[in-house]
Amino acid sequence: MLHYEEQVIYIEGDEEMILNDKIRQDLFAEVEGINDENLNQKPSENEWSIKQILEHLYLMEGGIAKNINHQLKNGEAVHADVKPIEATINRDIKVDAPEFAVPTSEFASIEELKMKLAATHQHLLDIENFADEKDLEAKGFPHPIFGDISLKQWIPFVAYHEQRHILQIKEVKEKLNL
């Protein structure tokens, strides 16, 4: 069951991808109606455009899915306590994007980005649907802030990370008067 507390959506039980699906709907609703020119416009030299945020999201989701897959096949058991991954939405805590998830400045259309986001989302969904639950709970890999996170918890981490960037998109829209 999903429930809300102060903009944070919590999950109970084995509903990781339900949360991811809900946040993805929110993401697409937030960018609905933005034309490709505005999508690619940066509010300032040092800030990302909405296109760059969306690119970062599919790069991150794809990278995490790839890492989960790798750990399922080759990883060893880790003793990862449950982490407060919902804190990821706190935009007051700044974290540099990992190198693999830094977006480019190349122009892209909303349709291209939605297709790439759909592909990485499907990859994560396939993992969640077909992976052995015990492996998801027993195996993991480290996060730069939280330390070792189980593979099972990495799935909703993607949603919280996306929720964080929805807030960033709202900020960019406000700065661009969209």
N, C-alpha and C. Protein backbone atom coordinates (compact mmCIF):
# COMPACT_ATOMS: atom_id res chain seq x y z
N MET A 1 0.83 -1.18 0.00
CA MET A 1 0.00 0.00 0.00
C MET A 1 0.88 1.24 0.00
N LEU A 2 0.50 2.25 -0.78
CA LEU A 2 1.20 3.52 -0.80
C LEU A 2 0.52 4.46 0.17
N HIS A 3 1.30 5.24 0.91
CA HIS A 3 0.72 6.32 1.68
C HIS A 3 1.65 7.52 1.68
N TYR A 4 1.06 8.71 1.88
CA TYR A 4 1.79 9.95 1.73
C TYR A 4 2.01 10.61 3.09
N GLU A 5 3.18 11.20 3.27
CA GLU A 5 3.47 12.04 4.41
C GLU A 5 4.35 13.17 3.93
N GLU A 6 3.83 14.40 3.97
CA GLU A 6 4.62 15.57 3.62
C GLU A 6 5.41 15.39 2.32
N GLN A 7 4.77 15.15 1.23
CA GLN A 7 5.38 15.02 -0.10
C GLN A 7 6.20 13.75 -0.29
N VAL A 8 6.37 12.94 0.74
CA VAL A 8 7.10 11.68 0.59
C VAL A 8 6.08 10.57 0.49
N ILE A 9 6.25 9.71 -0.50
CA ILE A 9 5.38 8.56 -0.66
C ILE A 9 6.12 7.35 -0.10
N TYR A 10 5.47 6.65 0.82
CA TYR A 10 6.08 5.47 1.41
C TYR A 10 5.43 4.22 0.84
N ILE A 11 6.20 3.13 0.81
CA ILE A 11 5.67 1.88 0.33
C ILE A 11 5.65 0.88 1.46
N GLU A 12 4.73 -0.03 1.37
CA GLU A 12 4.64 -1.12 2.33
C GLU A 12 4.58 -2.41 1.54
N GLY A 13 5.30 -3.40 1.99
CA GLY A 13 5.27 -4.70 1.31
C GLY A 13 6.09 -4.69 0.04
N ASP A 14 5.71 -5.52 -0.90
CA ASP A 14 6.47 -5.72 -2.13
C ASP A 14 5.89 -4.90 -3.27
N GLU A 15 5.86 -3.60 -3.10
CA GLU A 15 5.22 -2.74 -4.10
C GLU A 15 6.19 -1.72 -4.67
N GLU A 16 7.45 -2.10 -4.78
CA GLU A 16 8.45 -1.14 -5.21
C GLU A 16 8.09 -0.47 -6.53
N MET A 17 7.73 -1.25 -7.53
CA MET A 17 7.48 -0.66 -8.84
C MET A 17 6.16 0.10 -8.91
N ILE A 18 5.25 -0.13 -7.98
CA ILE A 18 4.04 0.70 -7.93
C ILE A 18 4.43 2.14 -7.63
N LEU A 19 5.35 2.31 -6.69
CA LEU A 19 5.86 3.64 -6.37
C LEU A 19 6.56 4.23 -7.59
N ASN A 20 7.41 3.47 -8.24
CA ASN A 20 8.13 3.95 -9.42
C ASN A 20 7.15 4.36 -10.52
N ASP A 21 6.10 3.57 -10.72
CA ASP A 21 5.10 3.90 -11.74
C ASP A 21 4.38 5.20 -11.41
N LYS A 22 4.02 5.39 -10.15
CA LYS A 22 3.32 6.60 -9.71
C LYS A 22 4.20 7.83 -9.92
N ILE A 23 5.45 7.75 -9.51
CA ILE A 23 6.36 8.89 -9.66
C ILE A 23 6.62 9.17 -11.14
N ARG A 24 6.71 8.13 -11.96
CA ARG A 24 6.91 8.34 -13.40
C ARG A 24 5.72 9.07 -14.00
N GLN A 25 4.51 8.72 -13.59
CA GLN A 25 3.32 9.45 -14.05
C GLN A 25 3.41 10.92 -13.65
N ASP A 26 3.84 11.17 -12.41
CA ASP A 26 3.99 12.55 -11.93
C ASP A 26 5.04 13.29 -12.77
N LEU A 27 6.12 12.62 -13.11
CA LEU A 27 7.17 13.23 -13.92
C LEU A 27 6.62 13.64 -15.28
N PHE A 28 5.92 12.73 -15.94
CA PHE A 28 5.38 13.04 -17.26
C PHE A 28 4.32 14.14 -17.19
N ALA A 29 3.54 14.16 -16.12
CA ALA A 29 2.55 15.23 -15.95
C ALA A 29 3.25 16.58 -15.79
N GLU A 30 4.39 16.58 -15.11
CA GLU A 30 5.13 17.83 -14.87
C GLU A 30 5.71 18.42 -16.16
N VAL A 31 6.05 17.58 -17.12
CA VAL A 31 6.64 18.09 -18.37
C VAL A 31 5.63 18.17 -19.51
N GLU A 32 4.38 17.83 -19.23
CA GLU A 32 3.33 17.87 -20.25
C GLU A 32 3.19 19.28 -20.80
N GLY A 33 3.16 19.38 -22.13
CA GLY A 33 2.92 20.67 -22.77
C GLY A 33 4.14 21.55 -22.93
N ILE A 34 5.29 21.11 -22.47
CA ILE A 34 6.51 21.91 -22.64
C ILE A 34 7.07 21.63 -24.04
N ASN A 35 7.28 22.69 -24.82
CA ASN A 35 7.80 22.47 -26.17
C ASN A 35 9.30 22.17 -26.12
N ASP A 36 9.82 21.65 -27.21
CA ASP A 36 11.21 21.19 -27.24
C ASP A 36 12.21 22.33 -27.03
N GLU A 37 11.87 23.53 -27.48
CA GLU A 37 12.78 24.66 -27.27
C GLU A 37 12.90 24.98 -25.78
N ASN A 38 11.75 25.08 -25.11
CA ASN A 38 11.77 25.35 -23.66
C ASN A 38 12.38 24.19 -22.89
N LEU A 39 12.15 22.99 -23.36
CA LEU A 39 12.70 21.80 -22.72
C LEU A 39 14.23 21.86 -22.68
N ASN A 40 14.84 22.38 -23.73
CA ASN A 40 16.29 22.43 -23.86
C ASN A 40 16.91 23.73 -23.35
N GLN A 41 16.09 24.63 -22.85
CA GLN A 41 16.57 25.93 -22.37
C GLN A 41 17.04 25.83 -20.92
N LYS A 42 18.25 26.31 -20.66
CA LYS A 42 18.81 26.33 -19.31
C LYS A 42 18.43 27.64 -18.62
N PRO A 43 18.05 27.59 -17.34
CA PRO A 43 17.73 28.82 -16.64
C PRO A 43 18.96 29.71 -16.40
N SER A 44 20.13 29.08 -16.32
CA SER A 44 21.39 29.82 -16.21
C SER A 44 22.51 28.90 -16.68
N GLU A 45 23.68 29.44 -16.84
CA GLU A 45 24.82 28.67 -17.33
C GLU A 45 25.14 27.46 -16.43
N ASN A 46 24.94 27.61 -15.13
CA ASN A 46 25.32 26.57 -14.18
C ASN A 46 24.18 25.65 -13.76
N GLU A 47 23.04 25.78 -14.42
CA GLU A 47 21.89 24.94 -14.07
C GLU A 47 21.49 24.07 -15.25
N TRP A 48 20.90 22.93 -14.94
CA TRP A 48 20.45 22.02 -15.98
C TRP A 48 19.12 22.48 -16.57
N SER A 49 18.96 22.18 -17.85
CA SER A 49 17.67 22.35 -18.51
C SER A 49 16.78 21.17 -18.10
N ILE A 50 15.50 21.28 -18.40
CA ILE A 50 14.58 20.16 -18.13
C ILE A 50 15.02 18.95 -18.95
N LYS A 51 15.47 19.17 -20.17
CA LYS A 51 15.99 18.07 -21.00
C LYS A 51 17.14 17.37 -20.30
N GLN A 52 18.06 18.13 -19.72
CA GLN A 52 19.20 17.54 -19.04
C GLN A 52 18.77 16.76 -17.80
N ILE A 53 17.76 17.26 -17.11
CA ILE A 53 17.24 16.54 -15.94
C ILE A 53 16.65 15.20 -16.38
N LEU A 54 15.85 15.22 -17.44
CA LEU A 54 15.24 13.97 -17.95
C LEU A 54 16.31 13.01 -18.44
N GLU A 55 17.33 13.54 -19.11
CA GLU A 55 18.43 12.69 -19.57
C GLU A 55 19.15 12.06 -18.37
N HIS A 56 19.41 12.87 -17.36
CA HIS A 56 20.04 12.37 -16.13
C HIS A 56 19.20 11.24 -15.54
N LEU A 57 17.89 11.39 -15.54
CA LEU A 57 17.01 10.38 -14.94
C LEU A 57 17.08 9.05 -15.69
N TYR A 58 17.05 9.08 -17.03
CA TYR A 58 17.14 7.79 -17.72
C TYR A 58 18.53 7.19 -17.63
N LEU A 59 19.56 8.03 -17.62
CA LEU A 59 20.91 7.51 -17.44
C LEU A 59 21.07 6.86 -16.06
N MET A 60 20.53 7.50 -15.05
CA MET A 60 20.63 6.99 -13.69
C MET A 60 19.82 5.69 -13.54
N GLU A 61 18.58 5.70 -14.01
CA GLU A 61 17.74 4.51 -13.90
C GLU A 61 18.36 3.35 -14.67
N GLY A 62 18.87 3.62 -15.86
CA GLY A 62 19.51 2.58 -16.66
C GLY A 62 20.76 2.06 -15.98
N GLY A 63 21.57 2.95 -15.41
CA GLY A 63 22.78 2.54 -14.71
C GLY A 63 22.49 1.70 -13.48
N ILE A 64 21.47 2.10 -12.73
CA ILE A 64 21.09 1.35 -11.54
C ILE A 64 20.55 -0.02 -11.94
N ALA A 65 19.71 -0.08 -12.97
CA ALA A 65 19.17 -1.36 -13.43
C ALA A 65 20.30 -2.28 -13.89
N LYS A 66 21.26 -1.72 -14.61
CA LYS A 66 22.40 -2.51 -15.08
C LYS A 66 23.20 -3.04 -13.89
N ASN A 67 23.41 -2.20 -12.89
CA ASN A 67 24.17 -2.61 -11.71
C ASN A 67 23.41 -3.67 -10.91
N ILE A 68 22.09 -3.51 -10.79
CA ILE A 68 21.29 -4.53 -10.10
C ILE A 68 21.43 -5.87 -10.83
N ASN A 69 21.30 -5.84 -12.15
CA ASN A 69 21.44 -7.05 -12.95
C ASN A 69 22.80 -7.70 -12.73
N HIS A 70 23.84 -6.89 -12.76
CA HIS A 70 25.20 -7.40 -12.55
C HIS A 70 25.33 -8.04 -11.17
N GLN A 71 24.82 -7.38 -10.16
CA GLN A 71 24.91 -7.90 -8.79
C GLN A 71 24.09 -9.18 -8.62
N LEU A 72 22.94 -9.25 -9.30
CA LEU A 72 22.13 -10.47 -9.22
C LEU A 72 22.91 -11.67 -9.76
N LYS A 73 23.65 -11.44 -10.84
CA LYS A 73 24.40 -12.53 -11.48
C LYS A 73 25.73 -12.81 -10.80
N ASN A 74 26.41 -11.77 -10.35
CA ASN A 74 27.79 -11.93 -9.88
C ASN A 74 28.04 -11.48 -8.45
N GLY A 75 27.06 -10.82 -7.85
CA GLY A 75 27.29 -10.20 -6.54
C GLY A 75 27.27 -11.19 -5.39
N GLU A 76 27.87 -10.75 -4.31
CA GLU A 76 27.88 -11.52 -3.07
C GLU A 76 26.87 -10.90 -2.12
N ALA A 77 26.51 -11.65 -1.12
CA ALA A 77 25.59 -11.12 -0.11
C ALA A 77 26.25 -9.97 0.64
N VAL A 78 25.47 -8.94 0.91
CA VAL A 78 25.92 -7.82 1.74
C VAL A 78 24.95 -7.73 2.91
N HIS A 79 25.39 -7.15 3.95
CA HIS A 79 24.51 -6.98 5.11
C HIS A 79 24.10 -5.51 5.17
N ALA A 80 23.14 -5.18 4.31
CA ALA A 80 22.68 -3.79 4.19
C ALA A 80 21.43 -3.59 5.03
N ASP A 81 21.53 -2.74 6.03
CA ASP A 81 20.35 -2.36 6.80
C ASP A 81 19.44 -1.52 5.90
N VAL A 82 18.18 -1.46 6.26
CA VAL A 82 17.25 -0.61 5.51
C VAL A 82 17.68 0.84 5.73
N LYS A 83 17.81 1.57 4.65
CA LYS A 83 18.28 2.95 4.69
C LYS A 83 17.10 3.92 4.49
N PRO A 84 17.23 5.14 4.99
CA PRO A 84 16.16 6.14 4.82
C PRO A 84 16.22 6.79 3.44
N ILE A 85 16.05 5.96 2.41
CA ILE A 85 16.23 6.43 1.03
C ILE A 85 15.23 7.51 0.64
N GLU A 86 14.11 7.60 1.36
CA GLU A 86 13.13 8.65 1.06
C GLU A 86 13.74 10.04 1.28
N ALA A 87 14.82 10.13 2.05
CA ALA A 87 15.51 11.41 2.26
C ALA A 87 16.13 11.92 0.96
N THR A 88 16.19 11.09 -0.04
CA THR A 88 16.74 11.48 -1.34
C THR A 88 16.02 12.68 -1.93
N ILE A 89 14.74 12.85 -1.61
CA ILE A 89 14.00 13.97 -2.21
C ILE A 89 14.40 15.32 -1.63
N ASN A 90 15.16 15.35 -0.54
CA ASN A 90 15.58 16.60 0.09
C ASN A 90 16.57 17.33 -0.80
N ARG A 91 16.13 18.41 -1.42
CA ARG A 91 16.98 19.16 -2.36
C ARG A 91 17.97 20.07 -1.64
N ASP A 92 17.90 20.16 -0.32
CA ASP A 92 18.88 20.94 0.43
C ASP A 92 20.22 20.23 0.50
N ILE A 93 20.21 18.92 0.33
CA ILE A 93 21.44 18.14 0.34
C ILE A 93 21.87 17.96 -1.11
N LYS A 94 23.00 18.55 -1.46
CA LYS A 94 23.49 18.49 -2.83
C LYS A 94 24.43 17.29 -3.02
N VAL A 95 24.22 16.59 -4.11
CA VAL A 95 25.05 15.44 -4.45
C VAL A 95 25.41 15.57 -5.93
N ASP A 96 26.70 15.46 -6.23
CA ASP A 96 27.10 15.50 -7.64
C ASP A 96 26.67 14.22 -8.33
N ALA A 97 26.19 14.37 -9.55
CA ALA A 97 25.78 13.20 -10.34
C ALA A 97 27.01 12.34 -10.63
N PRO A 98 26.84 11.00 -10.55
CA PRO A 98 27.96 10.15 -10.95
C PRO A 98 28.28 10.38 -12.43
N GLU A 99 29.52 10.15 -12.79
CA GLU A 99 29.99 10.46 -14.14
C GLU A 99 29.09 9.85 -15.23
N PHE A 100 28.64 8.61 -15.01
CA PHE A 100 27.83 7.94 -16.04
C PHE A 100 26.46 8.60 -16.24
N ALA A 101 26.04 9.44 -15.29
CA ALA A 101 24.70 10.03 -15.35
C ALA A 101 24.71 11.54 -15.54
N VAL A 102 25.85 12.08 -15.97
CA VAL A 102 25.92 13.52 -16.26
C VAL A 102 25.37 13.74 -17.66
N PRO A 103 24.35 14.61 -17.79
CA PRO A 103 23.73 14.81 -19.11
C PRO A 103 24.59 15.66 -20.03
N THR A 104 24.28 15.55 -21.31
CA THR A 104 24.97 16.34 -22.33
C THR A 104 24.21 17.65 -22.55
N SER A 105 24.76 18.50 -23.39
CA SER A 105 24.07 19.73 -23.76
C SER A 105 23.43 19.61 -25.14
N GLU A 106 23.42 18.40 -25.69
CA GLU A 106 22.83 18.18 -27.01
C GLU A 106 21.31 18.33 -26.96
N PHE A 107 20.75 18.89 -28.02
CA PHE A 107 19.31 19.08 -28.14
C PHE A 107 18.60 17.72 -28.20
N ALA A 108 17.46 17.61 -27.54
CA ALA A 108 16.64 16.39 -27.62
C ALA A 108 15.17 16.79 -27.53
N SER A 109 14.32 15.97 -28.13
CA SER A 109 12.88 16.23 -28.08
C SER A 109 12.27 15.49 -26.90
N ILE A 110 11.11 15.94 -26.49
CA ILE A 110 10.40 15.28 -25.38
C ILE A 110 10.08 13.84 -25.75
N GLU A 111 9.75 13.59 -27.02
CA GLU A 111 9.41 12.23 -27.44
C GLU A 111 10.61 11.30 -27.33
N GLU A 112 11.79 11.77 -27.74
CA GLU A 112 13.01 10.95 -27.59
C GLU A 112 13.24 10.60 -26.13
N LEU A 113 13.12 11.60 -25.28
CA LEU A 113 13.40 11.41 -23.85
C LEU A 113 12.38 10.45 -23.22
N LYS A 114 11.13 10.60 -23.60
CA LYS A 114 10.09 9.70 -23.05
C LYS A 114 10.35 8.25 -23.48
N MET A 115 10.81 8.06 -24.71
CA MET A 115 11.12 6.69 -25.17
C MET A 115 12.28 6.10 -24.36
N LYS A 116 13.30 6.89 -24.13
CA LYS A 116 14.45 6.41 -23.36
C LYS A 116 14.06 6.14 -21.91
N LEU A 117 13.24 7.01 -21.34
CA LEU A 117 12.75 6.79 -19.97
C LEU A 117 11.88 5.54 -19.90
N ALA A 118 11.07 5.30 -20.93
CA ALA A 118 10.23 4.10 -20.95
C ALA A 118 11.09 2.84 -21.02
N ALA A 119 12.17 2.89 -21.79
CA ALA A 119 13.03 1.71 -21.94
C ALA A 119 13.74 1.38 -20.62
N THR A 120 14.27 2.39 -19.94
CA THR A 120 14.96 2.10 -18.67
C THR A 120 13.97 1.67 -17.59
N HIS A 121 12.79 2.25 -17.63
CA HIS A 121 11.74 1.87 -16.67
C HIS A 121 11.33 0.41 -16.88
N GLN A 122 11.20 0.01 -18.14
CA GLN A 122 10.85 -1.38 -18.44
C GLN A 122 11.95 -2.33 -17.98
N HIS A 123 13.19 -1.94 -18.15
CA HIS A 123 14.31 -2.76 -17.70
C HIS A 123 14.23 -2.99 -16.19
N LEU A 124 13.96 -1.93 -15.43
CA LEU A 124 13.84 -2.06 -13.98
C LEU A 124 12.62 -2.91 -13.61
N LEU A 125 11.53 -2.73 -14.32
CA LEU A 125 10.32 -3.53 -14.08
C LEU A 125 10.59 -5.01 -14.35
N ASP A 126 11.30 -5.31 -15.43
CA ASP A 126 11.63 -6.70 -15.73
C ASP A 126 12.47 -7.32 -14.62
N ILE A 127 13.41 -6.56 -14.11
CA ILE A 127 14.24 -7.07 -13.01
C ILE A 127 13.36 -7.38 -11.81
N GLU A 128 12.51 -6.42 -11.45
CA GLU A 128 11.65 -6.60 -10.27
C GLU A 128 10.71 -7.79 -10.46
N ASN A 129 10.22 -7.99 -11.67
CA ASN A 129 9.28 -9.08 -11.94
C ASN A 129 9.94 -10.46 -11.95
N PHE A 130 11.19 -10.53 -12.39
CA PHE A 130 11.80 -11.84 -12.62
C PHE A 130 12.91 -12.21 -11.65
N ALA A 131 13.42 -11.26 -10.89
CA ALA A 131 14.51 -11.56 -9.97
C ALA A 131 14.00 -12.35 -8.76
N ASP A 132 14.86 -13.17 -8.23
CA ASP A 132 14.54 -13.90 -7.01
C ASP A 132 14.53 -12.92 -5.85
N GLU A 133 13.41 -12.91 -5.12
CA GLU A 133 13.22 -11.98 -4.00
C GLU A 133 14.35 -12.09 -2.97
N LYS A 134 14.78 -13.31 -2.71
CA LYS A 134 15.85 -13.52 -1.72
C LYS A 134 17.16 -12.88 -2.19
N ASP A 135 17.45 -12.97 -3.49
CA ASP A 135 18.66 -12.33 -4.02
C ASP A 135 18.56 -10.81 -3.93
N LEU A 136 17.36 -10.28 -4.22
CA LEU A 136 17.17 -8.83 -4.12
C LEU A 136 17.41 -8.33 -2.69
N GLU A 137 16.99 -9.13 -1.73
CA GLU A 137 17.16 -8.75 -0.33
C GLU A 137 18.59 -8.96 0.17
N ALA A 138 19.26 -10.01 -0.31
CA ALA A 138 20.58 -10.38 0.21
C ALA A 138 21.72 -9.60 -0.44
N LYS A 139 21.58 -9.27 -1.71
CA LYS A 139 22.67 -8.62 -2.43
C LYS A 139 22.45 -7.12 -2.49
N GLY A 140 23.53 -6.40 -2.76
CA GLY A 140 23.41 -4.95 -2.83
C GLY A 140 24.68 -4.33 -3.37
N PHE A 141 24.71 -3.01 -3.37
CA PHE A 141 25.91 -2.26 -3.74
C PHE A 141 25.82 -0.89 -3.08
N PRO A 142 26.96 -0.22 -2.95
CA PRO A 142 26.98 1.02 -2.18
C PRO A 142 26.44 2.24 -2.91
N HIS A 143 25.88 3.13 -2.12
CA HIS A 143 25.44 4.46 -2.55
C HIS A 143 26.40 5.46 -1.89
N PRO A 144 26.75 6.57 -2.57
CA PRO A 144 27.74 7.49 -2.01
C PRO A 144 27.34 8.12 -0.67
N ILE A 145 26.06 8.24 -0.38
CA ILE A 145 25.60 8.83 0.88
C ILE A 145 25.16 7.75 1.87
N PHE A 146 24.38 6.79 1.41
CA PHE A 146 23.75 5.81 2.30
C PHE A 146 24.60 4.58 2.60
N GLY A 147 25.67 4.39 1.85
CA GLY A 147 26.45 3.17 2.02
C GLY A 147 25.76 2.02 1.31
N ASP A 148 26.00 0.78 1.78
CA ASP A 148 25.41 -0.39 1.12
C ASP A 148 23.89 -0.36 1.19
N ILE A 149 23.28 -0.53 0.03
CA ILE A 149 21.82 -0.61 -0.10
C ILE A 149 21.51 -1.94 -0.77
N SER A 150 20.49 -2.64 -0.25
CA SER A 150 20.09 -3.90 -0.88
C SER A 150 19.54 -3.62 -2.27
N LEU A 151 19.62 -4.62 -3.14
CA LEU A 151 19.06 -4.47 -4.49
C LEU A 151 17.58 -4.17 -4.42
N LYS A 152 16.90 -4.77 -3.47
CA LYS A 152 15.46 -4.53 -3.29
C LYS A 152 15.20 -3.05 -3.01
N GLN A 153 16.06 -2.42 -2.21
CA GLN A 153 15.84 -1.02 -1.87
C GLN A 153 16.31 -0.07 -2.98
N TRP A 154 17.21 -0.54 -3.84
CA TRP A 154 17.62 0.30 -4.97
C TRP A 154 16.44 0.58 -5.90
N ILE A 155 15.47 -0.34 -5.98
CA ILE A 155 14.33 -0.13 -6.89
C ILE A 155 13.52 1.09 -6.48
N PRO A 156 13.05 1.22 -5.23
CA PRO A 156 12.34 2.44 -4.87
C PRO A 156 13.26 3.67 -4.77
N PHE A 157 14.57 3.45 -4.57
CA PHE A 157 15.48 4.59 -4.59
C PHE A 157 15.33 5.35 -5.91
N VAL A 158 15.19 4.62 -7.01
CA VAL A 158 15.02 5.26 -8.32
C VAL A 158 13.83 6.20 -8.30
N ALA A 159 12.73 5.78 -7.67
CA ALA A 159 11.53 6.62 -7.60
C ALA A 159 11.79 7.87 -6.76
N TYR A 160 12.41 7.71 -5.60
CA TYR A 160 12.69 8.87 -4.75
C TYR A 160 13.65 9.84 -5.45
N HIS A 161 14.62 9.29 -6.16
CA HIS A 161 15.55 10.12 -6.92
C HIS A 161 14.79 10.90 -8.00
N GLU A 162 13.84 10.23 -8.64
CA GLU A 162 13.04 10.90 -9.66
C GLU A 162 12.15 11.97 -9.04
N GLN A 163 11.62 11.68 -7.87
CA GLN A 163 10.77 12.66 -7.18
C GLN A 163 11.59 13.91 -6.84
N ARG A 164 12.83 13.72 -6.43
CA ARG A 164 13.75 14.84 -6.15
C ARG A 164 13.87 15.73 -7.39
N HIS A 165 14.03 15.10 -8.55
CA HIS A 165 14.23 15.86 -9.76
C HIS A 165 12.94 16.45 -10.32
N ILE A 166 11.79 15.92 -9.94
CA ILE A 166 10.52 16.59 -10.28
C ILE A 166 10.50 17.96 -9.60
N LEU A 167 10.96 18.01 -8.35
CA LEU A 167 11.04 19.29 -7.65
C LEU A 167 12.00 20.24 -8.38
N GLN A 168 13.09 19.71 -8.89
CA GLN A 168 14.04 20.52 -9.65
C GLN A 168 13.39 21.04 -10.93
N ILE A 169 12.63 20.19 -11.61
CA ILE A 169 11.92 20.61 -12.83
C ILE A 169 10.96 21.75 -12.52
N LYS A 170 10.27 21.66 -11.40
CA LYS A 170 9.35 22.74 -10.99
C LYS A 170 10.13 24.05 -10.81
N GLU A 171 11.31 23.96 -10.21
CA GLU A 171 12.15 25.15 -10.01
C GLU A 171 12.56 25.73 -11.36
N VAL A 172 12.98 24.88 -12.30
CA VAL A 172 13.40 25.34 -13.62
C VAL A 172 12.23 25.99 -14.35
N LYS A 173 11.07 25.36 -14.29
CA LYS A 173 9.88 25.93 -14.94
C LYS A 173 9.58 27.32 -14.39
N GLU A 174 9.70 27.46 -13.09
CA GLU A 174 9.43 28.76 -12.47
C GLU A 174 10.44 29.81 -12.97
N LYS A 175 11.71 29.44 -13.03
CA LYS A 175 12.76 30.36 -13.49
C LYS A 175 12.57 30.74 -14.95
N LEU A 176 12.04 29.81 -15.74
CA LEU A 176 11.82 30.08 -17.17
C LEU A 176 10.42 30.63 -17.45
N ASN A 177 9.64 30.82 -16.39
CA ASN A 177 8.26 31.30 -16.52
C ASN A 177 7.40 30.42 -17.41
N LEU A 178 7.51 29.09 -17.20
CA LEU A 178 6.73 28.14 -17.99
C LEU A 178 5.48 27.72 -17.22
